[in-house]
Amino acid sequence: WGLVTFRHEFGFFWLLWLIGVVVITDVAGYFAGRLIGGPKFW
């Protein structure tokens, strides 16, 4: 419901920002975790 409300109330570009942050976080984490490795987060 929050995603639907965010799209309706704040528009396309703000939802694009939210999704963009989530996607980049996942992609950057995937590649950095495999290329660099190191201590585990949890």
PDB file of all heavy atoms in Angstrom:
ATOM      1  N   TRP A   1       0.835  -1.201   0.000  1.00  0.00           N
ATOM      2  CA  TRP A   1       0.000   0.000   0.000  1.00  0.00           C
ATOM      3  C   TRP A   1       0.875   1.259   0.000  1.00  0.00           C
ATOM      4  O   TRP A   1       0.561   2.245  -0.666  1.00  0.00           O
ATOM      5  CB  TRP A   1      -0.924   0.008   1.208  1.00  0.00           C
ATOM      6  CG  TRP A   1      -1.622   1.308   1.419  1.00  0.00           C
ATOM      7  CD1 TRP A   1      -2.614   1.842   0.657  1.00  0.00           C
ATOM      8  CD2 TRP A   1      -1.384   2.249   2.485  1.00  0.00           C
ATOM      9  NE1 TRP A   1      -3.011   3.056   1.173  1.00  0.00           N
ATOM     10  CE2 TRP A   1      -2.269   3.327   2.282  1.00  0.00           C
ATOM     11  CE3 TRP A   1      -0.514   2.269   3.567  1.00  0.00           C
ATOM     12  CZ2 TRP A   1      -2.293   4.426   3.144  1.00  0.00           C
ATOM     13  CZ3 TRP A   1      -0.537   3.359   4.427  1.00  0.00           C
ATOM     14  CH2 TRP A   1      -1.426   4.417   4.202  1.00  0.00           C
ATOM     15  N   GLY A   2       1.994   1.209   0.725  1.00  0.00           N
ATOM     16  CA  GLY A   2       2.895   2.354   0.751  1.00  0.00           C
ATOM     17  C   GLY A   2       3.445   2.673  -0.632  1.00  0.00           C
ATOM     18  O   GLY A   2       3.541   3.847  -1.014  1.00  0.00           O
ATOM     19  N   LEU A   3       3.800   1.646  -1.400  1.00  0.00           N
ATOM     20  CA  LEU A   3       4.304   1.881  -2.748  1.00  0.00           C
ATOM     21  C   LEU A   3       3.235   2.504  -3.644  1.00  0.00           C
ATOM     22  O   LEU A   3       3.507   3.435  -4.413  1.00  0.00           O
ATOM     23  CB  LEU A   3       4.787   0.563  -3.354  1.00  0.00           C
ATOM     24  CG  LEU A   3       6.063  -0.026  -2.748  1.00  0.00           C
ATOM     25  CD1 LEU A   3       6.328  -1.409  -3.328  1.00  0.00           C
ATOM     26  CD2 LEU A   3       7.253   0.891  -2.979  1.00  0.00           C
ATOM     27  N   VAL A   4       2.018   1.984  -3.554  1.00  0.00           N
ATOM     28  CA  VAL A   4       0.921   2.539  -4.354  1.00  0.00           C
ATOM     29  C   VAL A   4       0.664   3.991  -3.966  1.00  0.00           C
ATOM     30  O   VAL A   4       0.481   4.868  -4.821  1.00  0.00           O
ATOM     31  CB  VAL A   4      -0.362   1.699  -4.175  1.00  0.00           C
ATOM     32  CG1 VAL A   4      -1.557   2.372  -4.833  1.00  0.00           C
ATOM     33  CG2 VAL A   4      -0.166   0.303  -4.762  1.00  0.00           C
ATOM     34  N   THR A   5       0.652   4.272  -2.665  1.00  0.00           N
ATOM     35  CA  THR A   5       0.416   5.632  -2.188  1.00  0.00           C
ATOM     36  C   THR A   5       1.538   6.561  -2.613  1.00  0.00           C
ATOM     37  O   THR A   5       1.305   7.700  -3.032  1.00  0.00           O
ATOM     38  CB  THR A   5       0.296   5.638  -0.651  1.00  0.00           C
ATOM     39  OG1 THR A   5      -0.788   4.794  -0.270  1.00  0.00           O
ATOM     40  CG2 THR A   5       0.048   7.041  -0.124  1.00  0.00           C
ATOM     41  N   PHE A   6       2.775   6.086  -2.520  1.00  0.00           N
ATOM     42  CA  PHE A   6       3.923   6.904  -2.905  1.00  0.00           C
ATOM     43  C   PHE A   6       3.844   7.270  -4.380  1.00  0.00           C
ATOM     44  O   PHE A   6       4.136   8.412  -4.764  1.00  0.00           O
ATOM     45  CB  PHE A   6       5.209   6.141  -2.600  1.00  0.00           C
ATOM     46  CG  PHE A   6       6.380   7.026  -2.280  1.00  0.00           C
ATOM     47  CD1 PHE A   6       6.397   7.778  -1.117  1.00  0.00           C
ATOM     48  CD2 PHE A   6       7.469   7.103  -3.136  1.00  0.00           C
ATOM     49  CE1 PHE A   6       7.466   8.589  -0.809  1.00  0.00           C
ATOM     50  CE2 PHE A   6       8.548   7.915  -2.834  1.00  0.00           C
ATOM     51  CZ  PHE A   6       8.550   8.663  -1.673  1.00  0.00           C
ATOM     52  N   ARG A   7       3.457   6.295  -5.224  1.00  0.00           N
ATOM     53  CA  ARG A   7       3.327   6.571  -6.666  1.00  0.00           C
ATOM     54  C   ARG A   7       2.207   7.573  -6.914  1.00  0.00           C
ATOM     55  O   ARG A   7       2.351   8.494  -7.738  1.00  0.00           O
ATOM     56  CB  ARG A   7       3.047   5.268  -7.416  1.00  0.00           C
ATOM     57  CG  ARG A   7       2.739   5.456  -8.921  1.00  0.00           C
ATOM     58  CD  ARG A   7       3.946   6.008  -9.645  1.00  0.00           C
ATOM     59  NE  ARG A   7       3.700   6.151 -11.073  1.00  0.00           N
ATOM     60  CZ  ARG A   7       3.184   7.237 -11.652  1.00  0.00           C
ATOM     61  NH1 ARG A   7       2.837   8.285 -10.897  1.00  0.00           N
ATOM     62  NH2 ARG A   7       3.035   7.286 -12.956  1.00  0.00           N
ATOM     63  N   HIS A   8       1.098   7.437  -6.211  1.00  0.00           N
ATOM     64  CA  HIS A   8      -0.059   8.302  -6.440  1.00  0.00           C
ATOM     65  C   HIS A   8       0.164   9.711  -5.906  1.00  0.00           C
ATOM     66  O   HIS A   8      -0.154  10.700  -6.572  1.00  0.00           O
ATOM     67  CB  HIS A   8      -1.295   7.688  -5.779  1.00  0.00           C
ATOM     68  CG  HIS A   8      -2.513   8.543  -5.880  1.00  0.00           C
ATOM     69  ND1 HIS A   8      -3.192   8.745  -7.068  1.00  0.00           N
ATOM     70  CD2 HIS A   8      -3.187   9.272  -4.927  1.00  0.00           C
ATOM     71  CE1 HIS A   8      -4.221   9.544  -6.857  1.00  0.00           C
ATOM     72  NE2 HIS A   8      -4.233   9.887  -5.580  1.00  0.00           N
ATOM     73  N   GLU A   9       0.727   9.811  -4.691  1.00  0.00           N
ATOM     74  CA  GLU A   9       0.859  11.102  -4.040  1.00  0.00           C
ATOM     75  C   GLU A   9       2.068  11.901  -4.519  1.00  0.00           C
ATOM     76  O   GLU A   9       2.002  13.120  -4.653  1.00  0.00           O
ATOM     77  CB  GLU A   9       0.949  10.918  -2.516  1.00  0.00           C
ATOM     78  CG  GLU A   9      -0.289  10.305  -1.891  1.00  0.00           C
ATOM     79  CD  GLU A   9      -1.494  11.235  -1.944  1.00  0.00           C
ATOM     80  OE1 GLU A   9      -1.289  12.468  -1.957  1.00  0.00           O
ATOM     81  OE2 GLU A   9      -2.624  10.723  -1.985  1.00  0.00           O
ATOM     82  N   PHE A  10       3.191  11.208  -4.750  1.00  0.00           N
ATOM     83  CA  PHE A  10       4.435  11.919  -5.006  1.00  0.00           C
ATOM     84  C   PHE A  10       4.932  11.800  -6.439  1.00  0.00           C
ATOM     85  O   PHE A  10       5.883  12.475  -6.816  1.00  0.00           O
ATOM     86  CB  PHE A  10       5.525  11.436  -4.031  1.00  0.00           C
ATOM     87  CG  PHE A  10       5.127  11.574  -2.594  1.00  0.00           C
ATOM     88  CD1 PHE A  10       5.411  10.563  -1.695  1.00  0.00           C
ATOM     89  CD2 PHE A  10       4.450  12.688  -2.130  1.00  0.00           C
ATOM     90  CE1 PHE A  10       5.058  10.679  -0.357  1.00  0.00           C
ATOM     91  CE2 PHE A  10       4.077  12.812  -0.807  1.00  0.00           C
ATOM     92  CZ  PHE A  10       4.380  11.805   0.083  1.00  0.00           C
ATOM     93  N   GLY A  11       4.325  10.912  -7.213  1.00  0.00           N
ATOM     94  CA  GLY A  11       4.631  10.873  -8.633  1.00  0.00           C
ATOM     95  C   GLY A  11       5.700   9.870  -9.043  1.00  0.00           C
ATOM     96  O   GLY A  11       6.337   9.197  -8.235  1.00  0.00           O
ATOM     97  N   PHE A  12       5.897   9.810 -10.343  1.00  0.00           N
ATOM     98  CA  PHE A  12       6.762   8.816 -10.980  1.00  0.00           C
ATOM     99  C   PHE A  12       8.212   8.940 -10.542  1.00  0.00           C
ATOM    100  O   PHE A  12       8.864   7.949 -10.210  1.00  0.00           O
ATOM    101  CB  PHE A  12       6.651   8.956 -12.500  1.00  0.00           C
ATOM    102  CG  PHE A  12       7.726   8.222 -13.260  1.00  0.00           C
ATOM    103  CD1 PHE A  12       7.694   6.847 -13.370  1.00  0.00           C
ATOM    104  CD2 PHE A  12       8.769   8.912 -13.854  1.00  0.00           C
ATOM    105  CE1 PHE A  12       8.675   6.164 -14.066  1.00  0.00           C
ATOM    106  CE2 PHE A  12       9.760   8.242 -14.549  1.00  0.00           C
ATOM    107  CZ  PHE A  12       9.714   6.863 -14.661  1.00  0.00           C
ATOM    108  N   PHE A  13       8.766  10.159 -10.531  1.00  0.00           N
ATOM    109  CA  PHE A  13      10.195  10.313 -10.314  1.00  0.00           C
ATOM    110  C   PHE A  13      10.603   9.961  -8.884  1.00  0.00           C
ATOM    111  O   PHE A  13      11.695   9.439  -8.658  1.00  0.00           O
ATOM    112  CB  PHE A  13      10.639  11.735 -10.671  1.00  0.00           C
ATOM    113  CG  PHE A  13      10.660  11.985 -12.150  1.00  0.00           C
ATOM    114  CD1 PHE A  13       9.662  12.734 -12.760  1.00  0.00           C
ATOM    115  CD2 PHE A  13      11.656  11.434 -12.948  1.00  0.00           C
ATOM    116  CE1 PHE A  13       9.668  12.948 -14.126  1.00  0.00           C
ATOM    117  CE2 PHE A  13      11.664  11.641 -14.311  1.00  0.00           C
ATOM    118  CZ  PHE A  13      10.667  12.401 -14.905  1.00  0.00           C
ATOM    119  N   TRP A  14       9.732  10.230  -7.917  1.00  0.00           N
ATOM    120  CA  TRP A  14      10.083   9.885  -6.546  1.00  0.00           C
ATOM    121  C   TRP A  14      10.032   8.381  -6.326  1.00  0.00           C
ATOM    122  O   TRP A  14      10.848   7.820  -5.600  1.00  0.00           O
ATOM    123  CB  TRP A  14       9.176  10.612  -5.552  1.00  0.00           C
ATOM    124  CG  TRP A  14       9.616  12.014  -5.356  1.00  0.00           C
ATOM    125  CD1 TRP A  14       9.110  13.141  -5.945  1.00  0.00           C
ATOM    126  CD2 TRP A  14      10.706  12.459  -4.546  1.00  0.00           C
ATOM    127  NE1 TRP A  14       9.809  14.244  -5.542  1.00  0.00           N
ATOM    128  CE2 TRP A  14      10.791  13.865  -4.684  1.00  0.00           C
ATOM    129  CE3 TRP A  14      11.618  11.810  -3.714  1.00  0.00           C
ATOM    130  CZ2 TRP A  14      11.748  14.622  -4.024  1.00  0.00           C
ATOM    131  CZ3 TRP A  14      12.574  12.568  -3.052  1.00  0.00           C
ATOM    132  CH2 TRP A  14      12.636  13.951  -3.215  1.00  0.00           C
ATOM    133  N   LEU A  15       9.095   7.712  -6.959  1.00  0.00           N
ATOM    134  CA  LEU A  15       9.077   6.254  -6.858  1.00  0.00           C
ATOM    135  C   LEU A  15      10.273   5.663  -7.593  1.00  0.00           C
ATOM    136  O   LEU A  15      10.857   4.671  -7.156  1.00  0.00           O
ATOM    137  CB  LEU A  15       7.771   5.693  -7.421  1.00  0.00           C
ATOM    138  CG  LEU A  15       7.595   4.179  -7.256  1.00  0.00           C
ATOM    139  CD1 LEU A  15       7.618   3.779  -5.787  1.00  0.00           C
ATOM    140  CD2 LEU A  15       6.282   3.713  -7.899  1.00  0.00           C
ATOM    141  N   LEU A  16      10.640   6.299  -8.718  1.00  0.00           N
ATOM    142  CA  LEU A  16      11.829   5.859  -9.448  1.00  0.00           C
ATOM    143  C   LEU A  16      13.072   5.986  -8.575  1.00  0.00           C
ATOM    144  O   LEU A  16      13.941   5.108  -8.585  1.00  0.00           O
ATOM    145  CB  LEU A  16      11.994   6.690 -10.720  1.00  0.00           C
ATOM    146  CG  LEU A  16      13.150   6.298 -11.650  1.00  0.00           C
ATOM    147  CD1 LEU A  16      12.919   4.912 -12.225  1.00  0.00           C
ATOM    148  CD2 LEU A  16      13.300   7.322 -12.764  1.00  0.00           C
ATOM    149  N   TRP A  17      13.157   7.071  -7.795  1.00  0.00           N
ATOM    150  CA  TRP A  17      14.283   7.232  -6.862  1.00  0.00           C
ATOM    151  C   TRP A  17      14.296   6.106  -5.837  1.00  0.00           C
ATOM    152  O   TRP A  17      15.343   5.498  -5.581  1.00  0.00           O
ATOM    153  CB  TRP A  17      14.169   8.587  -6.157  1.00  0.00           C
ATOM    154  CG  TRP A  17      14.973   8.681  -4.896  1.00  0.00           C
ATOM    155  CD1 TRP A  17      16.325   8.843  -4.793  1.00  0.00           C
ATOM    156  CD2 TRP A  17      14.476   8.587  -3.552  1.00  0.00           C
ATOM    157  NE1 TRP A  17      16.705   8.864  -3.466  1.00  0.00           N
ATOM    158  CE2 TRP A  17      15.590   8.715  -2.690  1.00  0.00           C
ATOM    159  CE3 TRP A  17      13.214   8.428  -2.997  1.00  0.00           C
ATOM    160  CZ2 TRP A  17      15.470   8.676  -1.300  1.00  0.00           C
ATOM    161  CZ3 TRP A  17      13.086   8.387  -1.621  1.00  0.00           C
ATOM    162  CH2 TRP A  17      14.193   8.508  -0.789  1.00  0.00           C
ATOM    163  N   LEU A  18      13.139   5.808  -5.244  1.00  0.00           N
ATOM    164  CA  LEU A  18      13.054   4.764  -4.227  1.00  0.00           C
ATOM    165  C   LEU A  18      13.491   3.419  -4.796  1.00  0.00           C
ATOM    166  O   LEU A  18      14.325   2.713  -4.206  1.00  0.00           O
ATOM    167  CB  LEU A  18      11.632   4.692  -3.684  1.00  0.00           C
ATOM    168  CG  LEU A  18      11.374   3.771  -2.478  1.00  0.00           C
ATOM    169  CD1 LEU A  18      10.192   4.294  -1.662  1.00  0.00           C
ATOM    170  CD2 LEU A  18      11.069   2.339  -2.906  1.00  0.00           C
ATOM    171  N   ILE A  19      12.962   3.064  -5.944  1.00  0.00           N
ATOM    172  CA  ILE A  19      13.315   1.786  -6.564  1.00  0.00           C
ATOM    173  C   ILE A  19      14.776   1.781  -6.987  1.00  0.00           C
ATOM    174  O   ILE A  19      15.477   0.773  -6.846  1.00  0.00           O
ATOM    175  CB  ILE A  19      12.390   1.499  -7.763  1.00  0.00           C
ATOM    176  CG1 ILE A  19      10.941   1.316  -7.280  1.00  0.00           C
ATOM    177  CG2 ILE A  19      12.862   0.265  -8.525  1.00  0.00           C
ATOM    178  CD1 ILE A  19       9.933   1.174  -8.399  1.00  0.00           C
ATOM    179  N   GLY A  20      15.248   2.930  -7.504  1.00  0.00           N
ATOM    180  CA  GLY A  20      16.644   3.026  -7.918  1.00  0.00           C
ATOM    181  C   GLY A  20      17.601   2.777  -6.769  1.00  0.00           C
ATOM    182  O   GLY A  20      18.613   2.079  -6.930  1.00  0.00           O
ATOM    183  N   VAL A  21      17.307   3.325  -5.602  1.00  0.00           N
ATOM    184  CA  VAL A  21      18.154   3.104  -4.428  1.00  0.00           C
ATOM    185  C   VAL A  21      18.177   1.622  -4.066  1.00  0.00           C
ATOM    186  O   VAL A  21      19.242   1.041  -3.794  1.00  0.00           O
ATOM    187  CB  VAL A  21      17.656   3.940  -3.230  1.00  0.00           C
ATOM    188  CG1 VAL A  21      18.324   3.482  -1.934  1.00  0.00           C
ATOM    189  CG2 VAL A  21      17.927   5.411  -3.460  1.00  0.00           C
ATOM    190  N   VAL A  22      17.011   0.981  -4.095  1.00  0.00           N
ATOM    191  CA  VAL A  22      16.933  -0.437  -3.735  1.00  0.00           C
ATOM    192  C   VAL A  22      17.713  -1.296  -4.736  1.00  0.00           C
ATOM    193  O   VAL A  22      18.474  -2.193  -4.349  1.00  0.00           O
ATOM    194  CB  VAL A  22      15.462  -0.898  -3.666  1.00  0.00           C
ATOM    195  CG1 VAL A  22      15.376  -2.402  -3.469  1.00  0.00           C
ATOM    196  CG2 VAL A  22      14.736  -0.173  -2.531  1.00  0.00           C
ATOM    197  N   VAL A  23      17.547  -1.012  -6.023  1.00  0.00           N
ATOM    198  CA  VAL A  23      18.219  -1.807  -7.059  1.00  0.00           C
ATOM    199  C   VAL A  23      19.733  -1.632  -6.986  1.00  0.00           C
ATOM    200  O   VAL A  23      20.489  -2.617  -7.022  1.00  0.00           O
ATOM    201  CB  VAL A  23      17.691  -1.421  -8.452  1.00  0.00           C
ATOM    202  CG1 VAL A  23      18.540  -2.068  -9.547  1.00  0.00           C
ATOM    203  CG2 VAL A  23      16.237  -1.851  -8.607  1.00  0.00           C
ATOM    204  N   ILE A  24      20.189  -0.386  -6.880  1.00  0.00           N
ATOM    205  CA  ILE A  24      21.631  -0.136  -6.823  1.00  0.00           C
ATOM    206  C   ILE A  24      22.241  -0.733  -5.560  1.00  0.00           C
ATOM    207  O   ILE A  24      23.367  -1.268  -5.575  1.00  0.00           O
ATOM    208  CB  ILE A  24      21.920   1.374  -6.903  1.00  0.00           C
ATOM    209  CG1 ILE A  24      21.558   1.905  -8.287  1.00  0.00           C
ATOM    210  CG2 ILE A  24      23.374   1.668  -6.591  1.00  0.00           C
ATOM    211  CD1 ILE A  24      22.321   1.258  -9.430  1.00  0.00           C
ATOM    212  N   THR A  25      21.523  -0.653  -4.453  1.00  0.00           N
ATOM    213  CA  THR A  25      22.003  -1.279  -3.218  1.00  0.00           C
ATOM    214  C   THR A  25      22.226  -2.767  -3.419  1.00  0.00           C
ATOM    215  O   THR A  25      23.247  -3.328  -3.006  1.00  0.00           O
ATOM    216  CB  THR A  25      20.998  -1.046  -2.077  1.00  0.00           C
ATOM    217  OG1 THR A  25      20.907   0.353  -1.789  1.00  0.00           O
ATOM    218  CG2 THR A  25      21.408  -1.788  -0.815  1.00  0.00           C
ATOM    219  N   ASP A  26      21.269  -3.425  -4.079  1.00  0.00           N
ATOM    220  CA  ASP A  26      21.367  -4.866  -4.313  1.00  0.00           C
ATOM    221  C   ASP A  26      22.495  -5.196  -5.280  1.00  0.00           C
ATOM    222  O   ASP A  26      23.298  -6.108  -5.036  1.00  0.00           O
ATOM    223  CB  ASP A  26      20.033  -5.379  -4.856  1.00  0.00           C
ATOM    224  CG  ASP A  26      20.050  -6.890  -5.088  1.00  0.00           C
ATOM    225  OD1 ASP A  26      20.232  -7.629  -4.111  1.00  0.00           O
ATOM    226  OD2 ASP A  26      19.882  -7.310  -6.247  1.00  0.00           O
ATOM    227  N   VAL A  27      22.583  -4.449  -6.384  1.00  0.00           N
ATOM    228  CA  VAL A  27      23.607  -4.718  -7.401  1.00  0.00           C
ATOM    229  C   VAL A  27      25.006  -4.446  -6.851  1.00  0.00           C
ATOM    230  O   VAL A  27      25.924  -5.267  -7.016  1.00  0.00           O
ATOM    231  CB  VAL A  27      23.350  -3.864  -8.661  1.00  0.00           C
ATOM    232  CG1 VAL A  27      24.516  -3.983  -9.637  1.00  0.00           C
ATOM    233  CG2 VAL A  27      22.059  -4.293  -9.340  1.00  0.00           C
ATOM    234  N   ALA A  28      25.181  -3.306  -6.193  1.00  0.00           N
ATOM    235  CA  ALA A  28      26.494  -2.965  -5.632  1.00  0.00           C
ATOM    236  C   ALA A  28      26.892  -3.981  -4.564  1.00  0.00           C
ATOM    237  O   ALA A  28      28.057  -4.405  -4.488  1.00  0.00           O
ATOM    238  CB  ALA A  28      26.470  -1.558  -5.046  1.00  0.00           C
ATOM    239  N   GLY A  29      25.937  -4.385  -3.747  1.00  0.00           N
ATOM    240  CA  GLY A  29      26.226  -5.369  -2.709  1.00  0.00           C
ATOM    241  C   GLY A  29      26.600  -6.715  -3.293  1.00  0.00           C
ATOM    242  O   GLY A  29      27.514  -7.395  -2.796  1.00  0.00           O
ATOM    243  N   TYR A  30      25.921  -7.115  -4.365  1.00  0.00           N
ATOM    244  CA  TYR A  30      26.194  -8.409  -5.004  1.00  0.00           C
ATOM    245  C   TYR A  30      27.630  -8.460  -5.528  1.00  0.00           C
ATOM    246  O   TYR A  30      28.378  -9.397  -5.242  1.00  0.00           O
ATOM    247  CB  TYR A  30      25.204  -8.632  -6.147  1.00  0.00           C
ATOM    248  CG  TYR A  30      25.435  -9.904  -6.930  1.00  0.00           C
ATOM    249  CD1 TYR A  30      24.910 -11.111  -6.508  1.00  0.00           C
ATOM    250  CD2 TYR A  30      26.182  -9.888  -8.111  1.00  0.00           C
ATOM    251  CE1 TYR A  30      25.122 -12.277  -7.232  1.00  0.00           C
ATOM    252  CE2 TYR A  30      26.410 -11.039  -8.837  1.00  0.00           C
ATOM    253  CZ  TYR A  30      25.867 -12.240  -8.396  1.00  0.00           C
ATOM    254  OH  TYR A  30      26.089 -13.381  -9.116  1.00  0.00           O
ATOM    255  N   PHE A  31      28.016  -7.443  -6.301  1.00  0.00           N
ATOM    256  CA  PHE A  31      29.333  -7.476  -6.924  1.00  0.00           C
ATOM    257  C   PHE A  31      30.452  -7.207  -5.921  1.00  0.00           C
ATOM    258  O   PHE A  31      31.503  -7.851  -5.971  1.00  0.00           O
ATOM    259  CB  PHE A  31      29.391  -6.468  -8.081  1.00  0.00           C
ATOM    260  CG  PHE A  31      28.695  -6.950  -9.317  1.00  0.00           C
ATOM    261  CD1 PHE A  31      27.426  -6.507  -9.648  1.00  0.00           C
ATOM    262  CD2 PHE A  31      29.299  -7.873 -10.153  1.00  0.00           C
ATOM    263  CE1 PHE A  31      26.779  -6.969 -10.782  1.00  0.00           C
ATOM    264  CE2 PHE A  31      28.670  -8.348 -11.294  1.00  0.00           C
ATOM    265  CZ  PHE A  31      27.405  -7.893 -11.616  1.00  0.00           C
ATOM    266  N   ALA A  32      30.243  -6.255  -5.005  1.00  0.00           N
ATOM    267  CA  ALA A  32      31.283  -5.980  -4.008  1.00  0.00           C
ATOM    268  C   ALA A  32      31.484  -7.184  -3.095  1.00  0.00           C
ATOM    269  O   ALA A  32      32.620  -7.519  -2.737  1.00  0.00           O
ATOM    270  CB  ALA A  32      30.904  -4.749  -3.187  1.00  0.00           C
ATOM    271  N   GLY A  33      30.381  -7.844  -2.730  1.00  0.00           N
ATOM    272  CA  GLY A  33      30.496  -9.004  -1.859  1.00  0.00           C
ATOM    273  C   GLY A  33      31.286 -10.124  -2.495  1.00  0.00           C
ATOM    274  O   GLY A  33      32.040 -10.830  -1.817  1.00  0.00           O
ATOM    275  N   ARG A  34      31.147 -10.295  -3.796  1.00  0.00           N
ATOM    276  CA  ARG A  34      31.846 -11.378  -4.480  1.00  0.00           C
ATOM    277  C   ARG A  34      33.257 -10.991  -4.910  1.00  0.00           C
ATOM    278  O   ARG A  34      34.156 -11.830  -4.954  1.00  0.00           O
ATOM    279  CB  ARG A  34      31.019 -11.846  -5.689  1.00  0.00           C
ATOM    280  CG  ARG A  34      29.867 -12.751  -5.261  1.00  0.00           C
ATOM    281  CD  ARG A  34      28.777 -12.831  -6.307  1.00  0.00           C
ATOM    282  NE  ARG A  34      27.767 -13.803  -5.905  1.00  0.00           N
ATOM    283  CZ  ARG A  34      26.877 -13.614  -4.943  1.00  0.00           C
ATOM    284  NH1 ARG A  34      26.883 -12.477  -4.253  1.00  0.00           N
ATOM    285  NH2 ARG A  34      25.974 -14.553  -4.649  1.00  0.00           N
ATOM    286  N   LEU A  35      33.463  -9.722  -5.241  1.00  0.00           N
ATOM    287  CA  LEU A  35      34.791  -9.284  -5.658  1.00  0.00           C
ATOM    288  C   LEU A  35      35.715  -9.022  -4.471  1.00  0.00           C
ATOM    289  O   LEU A  35      36.905  -9.310  -4.528  1.00  0.00           O
ATOM    290  CB  LEU A  35      34.679  -8.016  -6.508  1.00  0.00           C
ATOM    291  CG  LEU A  35      34.091  -8.184  -7.912  1.00  0.00           C
ATOM    292  CD1 LEU A  35      33.837  -6.826  -8.540  1.00  0.00           C
ATOM    293  CD2 LEU A  35      35.022  -9.013  -8.788  1.00  0.00           C
ATOM    294  N   ILE A  36      35.166  -8.452  -3.406  1.00  0.00           N
ATOM    295  CA  ILE A  36      35.978  -8.058  -2.257  1.00  0.00           C
ATOM    296  C   ILE A  36      35.877  -9.076  -1.127  1.00  0.00           C
ATOM    297  O   ILE A  36      36.872  -9.469  -0.528  1.00  0.00           O
ATOM    298  CB  ILE A  36      35.556  -6.659  -1.754  1.00  0.00           C
ATOM    299  CG1 ILE A  36      35.708  -5.632  -2.879  1.00  0.00           C
ATOM    300  CG2 ILE A  36      36.381  -6.253  -0.537  1.00  0.00           C
ATOM    301  CD1 ILE A  36      35.157  -4.263  -2.542  1.00  0.00           C
ATOM    302  N   GLY A  37      34.632  -9.502  -0.844  1.00  0.00           N
ATOM    303  CA  GLY A  37      34.433 -10.456   0.245  1.00  0.00           C
ATOM    304  C   GLY A  37      34.716  -9.818   1.588  1.00  0.00           C
ATOM    305  O   GLY A  37      34.388  -8.657   1.831  1.00  0.00           O
ATOM    306  N   GLY A  38      35.345 -10.566   2.485  1.00  0.00           N
ATOM    307  CA  GLY A  38      35.696 -10.025   3.791  1.00  0.00           C
ATOM    308  C   GLY A  38      34.726 -10.441   4.872  1.00  0.00           C
ATOM    309  O   GLY A  38      33.936 -11.383   4.707  1.00  0.00           O
ATOM    310  N   PRO A  39      34.757  -9.740   6.007  1.00  0.00           N
ATOM    311  CA  PRO A  39      33.924 -10.101   7.158  1.00  0.00           C
ATOM    312  C   PRO A  39      32.435 -10.095   6.825  1.00  0.00           C
ATOM    313  O   PRO A  39      31.965  -9.289   6.016  1.00  0.00           O
ATOM    314  CB  PRO A  39      34.263  -9.004   8.187  1.00  0.00           C
ATOM    315  CG  PRO A  39      35.580  -8.463   7.760  1.00  0.00           C
ATOM    316  CD  PRO A  39      35.614  -8.577   6.270  1.00  0.00           C
ATOM    317  N   LYS A  40      31.719 -11.001   7.479  1.00  0.00           N
ATOM    318  CA  LYS A  40      30.284 -11.104   7.263  1.00  0.00           C
ATOM    319  C   LYS A  40      29.546 -10.028   8.066  1.00  0.00           C
ATOM    320  O   LYS A  40      29.939  -9.668   9.165  1.00  0.00           O
ATOM    321  CB  LYS A  40      29.777 -12.479   7.666  1.00  0.00           C
ATOM    322  CG  LYS A  40      30.453 -13.626   6.932  1.00  0.00           C
ATOM    323  CD  LYS A  40      30.234 -13.545   5.427  1.00  0.00           C
ATOM    324  CE  LYS A  40      30.873 -14.736   4.719  1.00  0.00           C
ATOM    325  NZ  LYS A  40      30.674 -14.677   3.241  1.00  0.00           N
ATOM    326  N   PHE A  41      28.462  -9.543   7.491  1.00  0.00           N
ATOM    327  CA  PHE A  41      27.686  -8.496   8.137  1.00  0.00           C
ATOM    328  C   PHE A  41      26.912  -9.039   9.334  1.00  0.00           C
ATOM    329  O   PHE A  41      26.916  -8.460  10.406  1.00  0.00           O
ATOM    330  CB  PHE A  41      26.726  -7.871   7.114  1.00  0.00           C
ATOM    331  CG  PHE A  41      25.836  -6.801   7.672  1.00  0.00           C
ATOM    332  CD1 PHE A  41      26.334  -5.553   7.976  1.00  0.00           C
ATOM    333  CD2 PHE A  41      24.484  -7.041   7.901  1.00  0.00           C
ATOM    334  CE1 PHE A  41      25.519  -4.553   8.496  1.00  0.00           C
ATOM    335  CE2 PHE A  41      23.660  -6.064   8.418  1.00  0.00           C
ATOM    336  CZ  PHE A  41      24.174  -4.808   8.721  1.00  0.00           C
ATOM    337  N   TRP A  42      26.215 -10.166   9.134  1.00  0.00           N
ATOM    338  CA  TRP A  42      25.428 -10.769  10.211  1.00  0.00           C
ATOM    339  C   TRP A  42      25.379 -12.268   9.943  1.00  0.00           C
ATOM    340  O   TRP A  42      24.367 -12.793   9.487  1.00  0.00           O
ATOM    341  CB  TRP A  42      24.032 -10.171  10.240  1.00  0.00           C
ATOM    342  CG  TRP A  42      23.281 -10.355  11.520  1.00  0.00           C
ATOM    343  CD1 TRP A  42      23.509 -11.275  12.500  1.00  0.00           C
ATOM    344  CD2 TRP A  42      22.161  -9.582  11.964  1.00  0.00           C
ATOM    345  NE1 TRP A  42      22.616 -11.131  13.522  1.00  0.00           N
ATOM    346  CE2 TRP A  42      21.757 -10.089  13.221  1.00  0.00           C
ATOM    347  CE3 TRP A  42      21.451  -8.518  11.427  1.00  0.00           C
ATOM    348  CZ2 TRP A  42      20.687  -9.574  13.928  1.00  0.00           C
ATOM    349  CZ3 TRP A  42      20.378  -8.002  12.132  1.00  0.00           C
ATOM    350  CH2 TRP A  42      20.001  -8.515  13.370  1.00  0.00           C
TER     351      TRP A  42
END
